[in-house]
Amino acid sequence: MRTRLLQSAAAAVALVIITAGTAFALSQTNGSGRSHEGASVGFNAKANLKGNFTYTSHDGTGFQVKCRDGYTRYQRQQPTTQGALRTHVTATCTDKQRKTIYMEVYFVDRGEPGVRDVERIFFTYDPVFALDANGDPEVYQTACNTGANAPCNDRGIIQAGNVQIH
């Protein structure tokens, strides 16, 4: 009986250690580069909802989004079937005119050197979609960095950059 109790206690301690390690895993996503549509992107998103995100288009519109500790969600997702790490974040941000804009980003880290990492970025001004920018039907009408401001999307492999999920 005592042996079983000790085995159970040891198993419980091991489970706590494993769970604690998992809880701290994937607690930050950061990187920079050019988005699929050619905008400059720099970001640092943390599980504690701290961090920054900057998106600057180069299409002549001056479209720029900045998030300073405005994250509203940081979610670890199941790895892809190939084992790539994934996270999902949402944030309340401001554009260049200081107007509130909502952002949702899915990140995929396919390892180093980052030549196949993916960002799916969605922007909307509609507060109805504050936590689900890609749910705004207008988002899919326009690609960002193509001469139009939000709502828009910029989805694909990051160019000349890297996504790192820690």
Protein backbone atom coordinates (compact mmCIF):
# COMPACT_ATOMS: atom_id res chain seq x y z
CA MET A 1 0.00 0.00 0.00
CA ARG A 2 2.79 2.40 0.91
CA THR A 3 4.62 1.61 -2.35
CA ARG A 4 1.51 2.45 -4.35
CA LEU A 5 1.12 5.73 -2.49
CA LEU A 6 4.75 6.65 -3.23
CA GLN A 7 4.32 5.69 -6.90
CA SER A 8 1.18 7.81 -7.13
CA ALA A 9 2.92 10.76 -5.48
CA ALA A 10 5.90 10.45 -7.85
CA ALA A 11 3.57 10.28 -10.85
CA ALA A 12 1.71 13.38 -9.64
CA VAL A 13 4.97 15.31 -9.23
CA ALA A 14 6.09 14.27 -12.72
CA LEU A 15 2.74 15.37 -14.17
CA VAL A 16 3.05 18.79 -12.49
CA ILE A 17 6.56 19.24 -13.89
CA ILE A 18 5.50 18.26 -17.40
CA THR A 19 2.38 20.46 -17.25
CA ALA A 20 4.39 23.44 -15.98
CA GLY A 21 6.87 23.03 -18.82
CA THR A 22 4.06 22.92 -21.35
CA ALA A 23 2.38 25.96 -19.81
CA PHE A 24 5.49 28.06 -20.43
CA ALA A 25 6.11 26.63 -23.90
CA LEU A 26 5.08 28.71 -26.88
CA SER A 27 4.57 31.80 -24.74
CA GLN A 28 6.02 34.25 -27.28
CA THR A 29 5.90 34.84 -31.01
CA ASN A 30 8.23 37.35 -32.59
CA GLY A 31 9.87 38.24 -35.87
CA SER A 32 10.08 40.70 -38.71
CA GLY A 33 10.29 40.89 -42.48
CA ARG A 34 8.12 41.61 -45.47
CA SER A 35 4.60 40.24 -45.49
CA HIS A 36 3.33 38.18 -48.40
CA GLU A 37 1.92 41.39 -49.96
CA GLY A 38 5.21 43.29 -49.39
CA ALA A 39 4.46 45.35 -46.28
CA SER A 40 7.07 45.75 -43.55
CA VAL A 41 6.10 43.76 -40.47
CA GLY A 42 7.67 43.61 -37.02
CA PHE A 43 6.10 41.91 -34.03
CA ASN A 44 6.51 40.55 -30.54
CA ALA A 45 3.41 38.94 -29.05
CA LYS A 46 3.45 37.32 -25.62
CA ALA A 47 1.04 35.07 -23.75
CA ASN A 48 0.72 37.77 -21.07
CA LEU A 49 -0.77 40.00 -23.86
CA LYS A 50 2.24 42.33 -23.87
CA GLY A 51 4.24 43.22 -26.95
CA ASN A 52 4.15 45.27 -30.13
CA PHE A 53 3.09 44.86 -33.73
CA THR A 54 3.83 47.22 -36.62
CA TYR A 55 2.56 46.88 -40.19
CA THR A 56 3.63 49.45 -42.79
CA SER A 57 2.44 49.24 -46.38
CA HIS A 58 4.59 50.35 -49.31
CA ASP A 59 1.76 50.92 -51.78
CA GLY A 60 1.65 54.72 -51.56
CA THR A 61 -1.43 54.87 -49.27
CA GLY A 62 0.57 55.36 -46.09
CA PHE A 63 -1.43 52.58 -44.41
CA GLN A 64 0.24 51.79 -41.11
CA VAL A 65 -0.95 49.89 -38.06
CA LYS A 66 0.70 49.94 -34.65
CA CYS A 67 -0.20 47.88 -31.62
CA ARG A 68 1.45 48.74 -28.33
CA ASP A 69 0.49 46.23 -25.63
CA GLY A 70 -2.96 46.06 -27.22
CA TYR A 71 -3.15 42.28 -27.54
CA THR A 72 -6.52 40.85 -26.56
CA ARG A 73 -5.73 37.17 -27.21
CA TYR A 74 -2.64 34.99 -27.47
CA GLN A 75 -3.50 31.41 -28.24
CA ARG A 76 -1.22 28.46 -28.81
CA GLN A 77 -2.62 26.20 -31.49
CA GLN A 78 -1.98 22.57 -32.34
CA PRO A 79 1.12 22.13 -34.53
CA THR A 80 0.53 21.55 -38.22
CA THR A 81 0.54 17.96 -39.48
CA GLN A 82 4.20 18.56 -40.43
CA GLY A 83 4.99 19.66 -36.83
CA ALA A 84 5.25 23.42 -37.44
CA LEU A 85 4.39 25.58 -34.41
CA ARG A 86 1.35 27.87 -34.65
CA THR A 87 -0.11 30.76 -32.65
CA HIS A 88 -3.16 32.99 -33.06
CA VAL A 89 -3.33 36.57 -31.74
CA THR A 90 -5.82 39.41 -31.78
CA ALA A 91 -5.23 43.04 -30.86
CA THR A 92 -6.80 46.46 -30.67
CA CYS A 93 -4.48 48.85 -32.49
CA THR A 94 -4.35 52.26 -34.14
CA ASP A 95 -3.73 53.31 -37.70
CA LYS A 96 -1.62 56.26 -38.84
CA GLN A 97 -4.51 58.66 -38.13
CA ARG A 98 -4.85 57.19 -34.60
CA LYS A 99 -8.16 55.55 -35.52
CA THR A 100 -8.89 52.27 -33.73
CA ILE A 101 -8.36 49.23 -35.92
CA TYR A 102 -8.68 45.56 -35.01
CA MET A 103 -6.14 42.97 -36.04
CA GLU A 104 -6.07 39.20 -36.10
CA VAL A 105 -2.94 37.23 -37.03
CA TYR A 106 -2.16 33.55 -37.40
CA PHE A 107 1.55 32.71 -37.29
CA VAL A 108 3.22 29.48 -38.47
CA ASP A 109 6.90 28.85 -37.61
CA ARG A 110 8.26 26.20 -39.97
CA GLY A 111 11.74 26.28 -38.42
CA GLU A 112 14.97 27.95 -39.35
CA PRO A 113 15.97 29.85 -41.37
CA GLY A 114 12.33 30.93 -41.77
CA VAL A 115 12.06 30.76 -45.54
CA ARG A 116 8.60 29.13 -45.40
CA ASP A 117 7.08 30.78 -42.31
CA VAL A 118 3.53 32.05 -42.70
CA GLU A 119 1.51 35.02 -41.47
CA ARG A 120 -2.20 35.44 -42.09
CA ILE A 121 -3.02 39.04 -41.15
CA PHE A 122 -6.52 40.52 -41.08
CA PHE A 123 -7.50 44.15 -40.32
CA THR A 124 -10.94 45.66 -39.77
CA TYR A 125 -12.34 48.92 -38.40
CA ASP A 126 -15.64 47.27 -37.45
CA PRO A 127 -15.81 46.74 -33.64
CA VAL A 128 -18.27 43.88 -34.17
CA PHE A 129 -15.26 41.89 -35.41
CA ALA A 130 -12.78 43.10 -32.75
CA LEU A 131 -11.89 39.53 -31.73
CA ASP A 132 -12.52 37.99 -35.14
CA ALA A 133 -11.21 40.33 -37.85
CA ASN A 134 -11.15 37.53 -40.39
CA GLY A 135 -14.88 37.09 -39.69
CA ASP A 136 -15.57 40.47 -41.31
CA PRO A 137 -16.84 39.60 -44.81
CA GLU A 138 -15.30 42.83 -46.14
CA VAL A 139 -11.80 41.66 -45.16
CA TYR A 140 -11.65 39.11 -47.96
CA GLN A 141 -12.51 41.68 -50.63
CA THR A 142 -9.13 43.43 -50.54
CA ALA A 143 -5.52 42.41 -50.10
CA CYS A 144 -3.53 44.83 -47.91
CA ASN A 145 -0.64 46.78 -49.47
CA THR A 146 -2.40 46.97 -52.83
CA GLY A 147 -3.64 50.57 -52.75
CA ALA A 148 -6.43 50.18 -50.21
CA ASN A 149 -6.70 50.49 -46.46
CA ALA A 150 -8.54 48.16 -44.06
CA PRO A 151 -10.58 46.09 -44.07
CA CYS A 152 -8.02 43.92 -45.76
CA ASN A 153 -6.00 40.73 -45.51
CA ASP A 154 -2.36 39.84 -46.12
CA ARG A 155 -1.90 36.08 -46.16
CA GLY A 156 1.02 33.93 -47.18
CA ILE A 157 4.68 33.15 -46.73
CA ILE A 158 6.69 35.93 -45.09
CA GLN A 159 9.37 37.34 -47.40
CA ALA A 160 12.91 38.18 -46.25
CA GLY A 161 12.13 37.54 -42.60
CA ASN A 162 11.32 35.04 -39.95
CA VAL A 163 8.59 33.99 -37.51
CA GLN A 164 9.85 32.52 -34.25
CA ILE A 165 7.55 30.87 -31.74
CA HIS A 166 9.14 30.15 -28.37
